């Protein structure tokens, strides 16, 4: 399964801040790179995208039941 992360914002600056938050996923072992820098898609709507640079670590969870 492939993951993509998107940021929707009201300005280019807010979009960049959202991408910076996604970069914090590295603290959880998921490194991302920007696949689409902030772009205006209409009026005050901005979008940006990021994708993982490698597969996310596998986390096993025990389910009781």
Protein backbone atom coordinates (compact mmCIF):
# COMPACT_ATOMS: atom_id res chain seq x y z
CA UNK A 1 0.00 0.00 0.00
CA UNK A 2 1.27 3.43 -0.90
CA UNK A 3 0.68 6.46 1.30
CA UNK A 4 0.54 10.10 0.29
CA UNK A 5 0.07 13.04 2.63
CA UNK A 6 -1.63 16.25 1.59
CA UNK A 7 -1.74 19.73 3.07
CA UNK A 8 -4.56 22.15 2.33
CA UNK A 9 -4.17 25.71 3.55
CA UNK A 10 -5.22 29.32 3.05
CA UNK A 11 -1.74 30.60 2.14
CA UNK A 12 1.62 29.41 0.84
CA UNK A 13 3.13 30.05 4.27
CA UNK A 14 0.51 27.95 6.05
CA UNK A 15 1.01 25.20 3.48
CA UNK A 16 4.77 25.22 4.15
CA UNK A 17 4.06 25.01 7.89
CA UNK A 18 1.92 21.94 7.25
CA UNK A 19 4.76 20.32 5.32
CA UNK A 20 7.09 21.07 8.24
CA UNK A 21 4.68 19.23 10.54
CA UNK A 22 4.74 16.23 8.22
CA UNK A 23 8.54 16.23 8.46
CA UNK A 24 8.09 15.46 12.17
CA UNK A 25 6.90 11.99 11.15
CA UNK A 26 10.62 11.16 11.08
CA UNK A 27 10.43 11.08 14.88
CA UNK A 28 8.19 8.02 14.40
CA UNK A 29 10.48 6.44 11.83
CA UNK A 30 8.63 7.68 8.73
CA UNK A 31 10.69 10.02 6.57
CA UNK A 32 8.81 12.00 3.93
CA UNK A 33 9.84 14.16 1.01
CA UNK A 34 7.85 16.86 -0.74
CA UNK A 35 6.37 15.55 -3.97
CA UNK A 36 4.47 18.75 -4.78
CA UNK A 37 5.54 22.08 -3.29
CA UNK A 38 2.83 24.56 -2.25
CA UNK A 39 0.73 25.55 -5.24
CA UNK A 40 -2.26 27.86 -5.47
CA UNK A 41 -5.29 25.98 -6.78
CA UNK A 42 -7.79 28.81 -6.69
CA UNK A 43 -8.51 31.92 -4.67
CA UNK A 44 -6.99 31.44 -1.24
CA UNK A 45 -6.67 27.66 -1.55
CA UNK A 46 -3.20 26.15 -1.49
CA UNK A 47 -2.19 22.50 -1.68
CA UNK A 48 1.05 20.57 -1.16
CA UNK A 49 1.87 16.87 -1.06
CA UNK A 50 4.51 14.64 0.51
CA UNK A 51 5.31 10.94 0.19
CA UNK A 52 7.32 8.56 2.38
CA UNK A 53 10.89 7.98 1.18
CA UNK A 54 10.83 4.38 2.41
CA UNK A 55 8.23 1.92 3.69
CA UNK A 56 6.88 2.70 7.14
CA UNK A 57 8.12 0.52 9.97
CA UNK A 58 5.92 -2.43 10.81
CA UNK A 59 4.23 -2.16 14.18
CA UNK A 60 2.69 -5.33 15.51
CA UNK A 61 -0.25 -4.99 17.85
CA UNK A 62 -1.58 -7.86 19.90
CA UNK A 63 -5.35 -8.20 19.73
CA UNK A 64 -7.10 -9.94 22.56
CA UNK A 65 -10.44 -11.49 22.05
